[in-house]
Amino acid sequence: MWAQILEHSSFGVTDGFIAVGGDSLKAVNLIAAVETEFDVRLSPTQLFDAPTIEKQAHVILQEHNFQQKCKSEDPIFPMREGGSSTPLFCFPGNSGEIADFHALVERLDAVQGVNIVLYNELARSGETPRTMEEFAASSLQAIQNAEPTGPYRLAGFCFGASVGYEVARQLRAAGEEVATLALLELEPGFASWPWRQKMTRRWKELTGWIRSFVQHRRPADPPQKEALGFLADRIARIQTVAHPLLKNYKHRRYDGRVLFFHAAQGSAQAYLTYWRDLVGDLEAFSVPGGDCTMLHEPNVSVLAEILQKRL
């Protein structure tokens, strides 16, 4: 695919896409080619975070496995098998996609195992959880099925930060040890939520790129294949259920230690006083960038370095 899009083959699997002649328009064409061949969606930010064939192959494989896992009953997705270290359980944003954590996991120590808690329960068409507490309880059960005893390490992003917060509360209430609770871009549930049903940030990025370059050459339209339709429907269902869960959730007292990561130019830092009054011990860290850029380069390297030291 690279050779066809770049119109040469003088590169290896560890060379960067931009370094060997790629540009924004060619990146859009590569995204469309990957979707056609593998039924896997990549975003421009993923190409930036995984710029080589070697890394892109790894992302494509993980996304493929993720799609298969979404159709199963088990909500724990082993994103990376670790060594002897306690695994880190991660809760994605309101899309429920593992792509939120691709770049972060890549930059953590190789011995650090990482499991993603999927939102299969929110995506199903039947009865879904009515409260955040109920959803956290079922997520906690899945975590303990995978890891019966603590200490537990948890990390959540945006909506997932509130899920992780409530899971940590329930773990401590049950007498379990929470060694790490890292909350990324967490805001109180009463804050407005800038999302649109059936449209995620990743799709917005892709359509923005196409719009920017259409005046020069119209790239091939991304294919509307069965697997992509399945994921789009899944995201829409998750967001439809997740929004009222967060809106109606009231964060209660948590007496443990919290690692609070906020973007330097983001909105979450405005709530630091709120969280300091609510948790036992708050460590706040400012990460370069604005809202929704914390988990992408170059900002994610700063985040990963801080988090790895605490792990």
Protein backbone atom coordinates (compact mmCIF):
# COMPACT_ATOMS: atom_id res chain seq x y z
CA MET A 1 0.00 0.00 0.00
CA TRP A 2 2.79 2.40 0.89
CA ALA A 3 4.63 1.70 -2.37
CA GLN A 4 1.49 2.33 -4.40
CA ILE A 5 0.57 5.56 -2.60
CA LEU A 6 4.14 6.93 -2.34
CA GLU A 7 4.98 5.73 -5.90
CA HIS A 8 8.30 4.24 -4.82
CA SER A 9 9.54 1.41 -2.61
CA SER A 10 12.85 2.67 -1.24
CA PHE A 11 11.89 2.36 2.42
CA GLY A 12 11.82 -0.20 5.19
CA VAL A 13 9.30 -1.17 7.86
CA THR A 14 10.90 1.17 10.42
CA ASP A 15 10.94 4.31 8.22
CA GLY A 16 8.46 7.09 8.95
CA PHE A 17 5.67 7.82 6.46
CA ILE A 18 6.41 11.55 6.23
CA ALA A 19 10.17 11.01 6.06
CA VAL A 20 9.88 8.88 2.91
CA GLY A 21 7.59 11.25 1.02
CA GLY A 22 4.17 11.01 2.65
CA ASP A 23 1.96 14.05 3.11
CA SER A 24 -1.55 14.79 4.37
CA LEU A 25 -3.28 13.86 1.11
CA LYS A 26 -1.35 10.59 0.81
CA ALA A 27 -2.20 9.84 4.44
CA VAL A 28 -5.92 10.14 3.64
CA ASN A 29 -5.45 7.72 0.73
CA LEU A 30 -3.56 5.32 3.01
CA ILE A 31 -6.41 5.44 5.55
CA ALA A 32 -8.92 4.57 2.81
CA ALA A 33 -6.70 1.73 1.52
CA VAL A 34 -6.32 0.22 5.01
CA GLU A 35 -10.08 0.36 5.54
CA THR A 36 -10.72 -1.33 2.19
CA GLU A 37 -8.22 -4.13 2.77
CA PHE A 38 -8.59 -4.81 6.50
CA ASP A 39 -12.00 -3.39 7.56
CA VAL A 40 -10.11 -1.34 10.13
CA ARG A 41 -10.42 2.41 10.67
CA LEU A 42 -7.30 4.46 11.24
CA SER A 43 -7.31 8.16 12.01
CA PRO A 44 -4.74 10.79 10.99
CA THR A 45 -3.62 11.02 14.60
CA GLN A 46 -2.98 7.27 14.65
CA LEU A 47 -0.78 7.61 11.57
CA PHE A 48 1.10 10.37 13.37
CA ASP A 49 1.48 8.28 16.53
CA ALA A 50 2.35 5.10 14.61
CA PRO A 51 4.24 6.46 11.56
CA THR A 52 6.02 3.27 10.44
CA ILE A 53 4.82 0.10 8.70
CA GLU A 54 5.91 -1.91 11.72
CA LYS A 55 3.82 0.18 14.13
CA GLN A 56 0.86 0.48 11.79
CA ALA A 57 0.76 -3.30 11.36
CA HIS A 58 0.59 -3.63 15.14
CA VAL A 59 -2.26 -1.09 15.35
CA ILE A 60 -4.20 -2.82 12.55
CA LEU A 61 -3.86 -6.18 14.27
CA GLN A 62 -5.02 -4.76 17.59
CA GLU A 63 -7.99 -3.04 15.95
CA HIS A 64 -8.95 -6.30 14.23
CA ASN A 65 -8.78 -8.20 17.53
CA PHE A 66 -10.74 -5.39 19.19
CA GLN A 67 -13.58 -5.78 16.68
CA GLN A 68 -13.76 -9.50 17.40
CA LYS A 69 -13.75 -8.86 21.15
CA CYS A 70 -16.58 -6.35 20.81
CA LYS A 71 -18.80 -9.17 19.58
CA SER A 72 -18.01 -11.40 22.55
CA GLU A 73 -19.35 -11.35 26.10
CA ASP A 74 -15.97 -10.75 27.74
CA PRO A 75 -15.35 -6.99 28.11
CA ILE A 76 -11.65 -7.23 29.01
CA PHE A 77 -9.36 -6.68 26.03
CA PRO A 78 -5.66 -7.52 26.68
CA MET A 79 -4.02 -4.71 24.74
CA ARG A 80 -0.56 -5.75 25.84
CA GLU A 81 0.63 -8.74 27.80
CA GLY A 82 3.07 -7.62 30.48
CA GLY A 83 5.70 -9.35 32.53
CA SER A 84 5.38 -9.76 36.27
CA SER A 85 3.98 -6.27 36.87
CA THR A 86 0.40 -5.65 37.98
CA PRO A 87 -1.71 -4.93 34.86
CA LEU A 88 -3.15 -1.49 34.23
CA PHE A 89 -6.91 -1.50 33.51
CA CYS A 90 -7.89 1.38 31.22
CA PHE A 91 -11.33 2.88 30.60
CA PRO A 92 -11.75 4.63 27.20
CA GLY A 93 -13.65 7.79 26.41
CA ASN A 94 -17.28 7.92 25.32
CA SER A 95 -16.56 6.14 22.01
CA GLY A 96 -15.40 3.03 23.88
CA GLU A 97 -12.53 2.54 21.44
CA ILE A 98 -9.08 1.19 22.26
CA ALA A 99 -7.56 3.81 19.95
CA ASP A 100 -7.69 6.23 22.89
CA PHE A 101 -4.79 4.36 24.49
CA HIS A 102 -2.67 3.17 21.52
CA ALA A 103 0.00 5.86 21.79
CA LEU A 104 0.12 5.84 25.60
CA VAL A 105 0.58 2.07 25.84
CA GLU A 106 3.30 2.19 23.20
CA ARG A 107 5.28 4.56 25.43
CA LEU A 108 4.94 2.69 28.73
CA ASP A 109 7.56 0.15 29.78
CA ALA A 110 7.30 -3.11 27.85
CA VAL A 111 6.83 -5.10 31.08
CA GLN A 112 3.67 -3.14 31.90
CA GLY A 113 0.61 -5.19 30.98
CA VAL A 114 -2.44 -3.21 29.85
CA ASN A 115 -6.07 -4.33 29.68
CA ILE A 116 -8.83 -2.20 28.15
CA VAL A 117 -12.27 -2.39 29.73
CA LEU A 118 -14.67 -2.44 26.77
CA TYR A 119 -18.17 -1.00 26.96
CA ASN A 120 -19.92 -4.03 25.47
CA GLU A 121 -22.69 -3.70 28.03
CA LEU A 122 -23.49 -0.17 26.84
CA ALA A 123 -23.42 -1.19 23.18
CA ARG A 124 -25.92 -4.02 23.28
CA SER A 125 -29.43 -3.42 22.00
CA GLY A 126 -31.23 -4.86 25.04
CA GLU A 127 -31.35 -3.64 28.61
CA THR A 128 -28.40 -1.44 29.60
CA PRO A 129 -27.18 -0.09 32.98
CA ARG A 130 -29.33 2.69 34.38
CA THR A 131 -26.69 4.35 36.58
CA MET A 132 -22.95 4.86 36.64
CA GLU A 133 -22.79 2.87 39.88
CA GLU A 134 -24.48 -0.08 38.19
CA PHE A 135 -22.20 0.06 35.16
CA ALA A 136 -19.10 0.37 37.36
CA ALA A 137 -20.18 -2.66 39.38
CA SER A 138 -20.41 -4.84 36.26
CA SER A 139 -17.05 -3.49 35.01
CA LEU A 140 -15.54 -4.27 38.40
CA GLN A 141 -16.82 -7.83 38.20
CA ALA A 142 -15.16 -8.25 34.80
CA ILE A 143 -11.89 -6.85 36.15
CA GLN A 144 -11.92 -9.23 39.11
CA ASN A 145 -12.70 -12.15 36.82
CA ALA A 146 -9.47 -11.32 35.00
CA GLU A 147 -7.50 -10.30 38.12
CA PRO A 148 -9.12 -11.82 41.25
CA THR A 149 -6.94 -10.00 43.80
CA GLY A 150 -5.34 -6.58 44.09
CA PRO A 151 -3.61 -4.28 44.26
CA TYR A 152 -5.37 -2.75 41.26
CA ARG A 153 -4.11 -0.15 38.81
CA LEU A 154 -6.77 1.90 37.01
CA ALA A 155 -6.68 4.67 34.41
CA GLY A 156 -9.57 6.42 32.68
CA PHE A 157 -9.95 9.04 29.98
CA CYS A 158 -12.80 11.59 29.83
CA PHE A 159 -16.02 9.57 30.37
CA GLY A 160 -13.82 6.60 31.28
CA ALA A 161 -12.24 8.64 34.07
CA SER A 162 -15.59 8.78 35.85
CA VAL A 163 -16.10 5.05 35.30
CA GLY A 164 -12.65 4.36 36.75
CA TYR A 165 -13.33 6.69 39.67
CA GLU A 166 -16.49 4.80 40.63
CA VAL A 167 -14.80 1.40 40.16
CA ALA A 168 -12.03 2.54 42.51
CA ARG A 169 -14.60 3.65 45.10
CA GLN A 170 -16.32 0.27 44.98
CA LEU A 171 -13.00 -1.59 45.20
CA ARG A 172 -11.99 0.31 48.35
CA ALA A 173 -15.45 -0.15 49.83
CA ALA A 174 -14.95 -3.90 49.37
CA GLY A 175 -11.61 -3.74 51.20
CA GLU A 176 -9.45 -4.06 48.08
CA GLU A 177 -6.28 -2.01 47.50
CA VAL A 178 -6.17 0.50 44.65
CA ALA A 179 -2.49 1.14 44.01
CA THR A 180 -3.02 3.58 41.13
CA LEU A 181 -5.99 5.66 40.01
CA ALA A 182 -5.02 7.89 37.07
CA LEU A 183 -7.76 10.20 35.79
CA LEU A 184 -7.21 11.90 32.42
CA GLU A 185 -9.28 14.93 31.43
CA LEU A 186 -11.86 14.27 34.15
CA GLU A 187 -14.64 16.81 34.58
CA PRO A 188 -17.65 16.78 36.92
CA GLY A 189 -20.70 15.06 35.50
CA PHE A 190 -22.64 18.32 35.33
CA ALA A 191 -20.24 19.78 32.77
CA SER A 192 -21.55 20.05 29.22
CA TRP A 193 -20.51 17.27 26.87
CA PRO A 194 -19.38 18.37 23.36
CA TRP A 195 -20.37 15.28 21.37
CA ARG A 196 -22.72 14.43 18.56
CA GLN A 197 -24.46 11.13 18.15
CA LYS A 198 -22.97 8.95 15.40
CA MET A 199 -19.99 11.32 14.98
CA THR A 200 -16.78 10.75 16.91
CA ARG A 201 -13.64 12.88 17.05
CA ARG A 202 -11.80 10.42 14.83
CA TRP A 203 -14.34 10.74 12.05
CA LYS A 204 -14.28 14.53 12.41
CA GLU A 205 -10.52 14.53 11.96
CA LEU A 206 -10.74 12.43 8.81
CA THR A 207 -13.50 14.50 7.20
CA GLY A 208 -11.56 17.65 8.10
CA TRP A 209 -8.51 16.37 6.26
CA ILE A 210 -10.54 15.49 3.18
CA ARG A 211 -12.15 18.94 3.19
CA SER A 212 -8.75 20.63 3.40
CA PHE A 213 -7.32 18.85 0.37
CA VAL A 214 -10.35 18.36 -1.86
CA GLN A 215 -9.50 21.50 -3.83
CA HIS A 216 -6.26 19.86 -5.01
CA ARG A 217 -7.40 16.31 -5.62
CA ARG A 218 -10.38 14.41 -4.39
CA PRO A 219 -9.25 11.31 -2.43
CA ALA A 220 -11.14 8.06 -2.64
CA ASP A 221 -14.18 8.00 -0.38
CA PRO A 222 -13.73 5.79 2.69
CA PRO A 223 -15.57 2.52 2.09
CA GLN A 224 -18.85 1.85 3.85
CA LYS A 225 -18.21 -1.81 4.66
CA GLU A 226 -20.02 -4.09 7.06
CA ALA A 227 -17.32 -4.01 9.75
CA LEU A 228 -17.13 -0.22 9.67
CA GLY A 229 -20.91 0.03 9.89
CA PHE A 230 -20.85 -2.29 12.90
CA LEU A 231 -18.37 -0.03 14.70
CA ALA A 232 -20.26 3.15 13.82
CA ASP A 233 -23.49 1.66 15.19
CA ARG A 234 -21.65 0.45 18.28
CA ILE A 235 -20.22 3.92 18.99
CA ALA A 236 -23.63 5.53 18.53
CA ARG A 237 -25.25 3.11 21.01
CA ILE A 238 -22.46 3.60 23.57
CA GLN A 239 -22.69 7.38 23.40
CA THR A 240 -26.47 7.34 23.65
CA VAL A 241 -26.28 5.36 26.91
CA ALA A 242 -23.08 6.90 28.30
CA HIS A 243 -24.26 10.50 28.18
CA PRO A 244 -27.10 10.17 30.73
CA LEU A 245 -24.93 7.91 32.92
CA LEU A 246 -22.39 10.71 33.28
CA LYS A 247 -24.93 13.50 33.42
CA ASN A 248 -26.76 11.90 36.36
CA TYR A 249 -23.66 10.68 38.19
CA LYS A 250 -22.59 12.50 41.33
CA HIS A 251 -18.97 11.88 42.30
CA ARG A 252 -18.78 10.97 45.95
CA ARG A 253 -15.91 11.04 48.41
CA TYR A 254 -12.86 8.93 47.55
CA ASP A 255 -10.28 8.71 50.32
CA GLY A 256 -7.47 7.25 48.22
CA ARG A 257 -4.72 8.81 46.12
CA VAL A 258 -5.61 10.18 42.68
CA LEU A 259 -3.29 11.11 39.82
CA PHE A 260 -5.11 13.92 38.00
CA PHE A 261 -3.86 14.72 34.48
CA HIS A 262 -5.20 17.82 32.74
CA ALA A 263 -4.26 19.59 29.52
CA ALA A 264 -2.39 22.85 29.99
CA GLN A 265 -4.78 24.63 27.61
CA GLY A 266 -7.78 22.46 28.44
CA SER A 267 -10.89 22.92 30.56
CA ALA A 268 -10.38 20.17 33.16
CA GLN A 269 -7.87 22.20 35.18
CA ALA A 270 -10.67 24.58 36.16
CA TYR A 271 -12.03 21.86 38.45
CA LEU A 272 -8.85 21.22 40.46
CA THR A 273 -10.27 22.79 43.63
CA TYR A 274 -13.42 20.70 43.27
CA TRP A 275 -11.41 17.47 43.13
CA ARG A 276 -9.02 18.42 45.93
CA ASP A 277 -12.00 18.78 48.24
CA LEU A 278 -13.38 15.41 47.13
CA VAL A 279 -10.41 13.01 47.27
CA GLY A 280 -7.99 12.04 49.99
CA ASP A 281 -4.75 12.84 48.17
CA LEU A 282 -4.66 14.56 44.77
CA GLU A 283 -1.53 14.80 42.61
CA ALA A 284 -2.21 17.11 39.67
CA PHE A 285 -0.11 17.12 36.50
CA SER A 286 -0.31 19.55 33.60
CA VAL A 287 0.25 17.98 30.18
CA PRO A 288 1.02 20.20 27.15
CA GLY A 289 -1.76 20.78 24.63
CA GLY A 290 -5.49 21.31 24.74
CA ASP A 291 -8.65 19.24 25.13
CA CYS A 292 -8.53 15.85 23.34
CA THR A 293 -4.79 16.13 22.50
CA MET A 294 -3.38 14.66 25.71
CA LEU A 295 -3.20 11.14 24.29
CA HIS A 296 -1.45 12.11 21.05
CA GLU A 297 2.10 13.14 20.27
CA PRO A 298 3.96 15.14 21.31
CA ASN A 299 1.89 15.48 24.49
CA VAL A 300 1.41 11.77 25.20
CA SER A 301 5.16 11.28 25.73
CA VAL A 302 5.03 13.72 28.65
CA LEU A 303 1.99 11.94 30.07
CA ALA A 304 3.57 8.50 29.67
CA GLU A 305 6.78 9.54 31.41
CA ILE A 306 4.91 10.88 34.44
CA LEU A 307 2.54 7.93 34.65
CA GLN A 308 5.30 5.36 34.28
CA LYS A 309 7.19 6.80 37.25
CA ARG A 310 4.04 6.52 39.39
CA LEU A 311 3.39 2.96 38.22
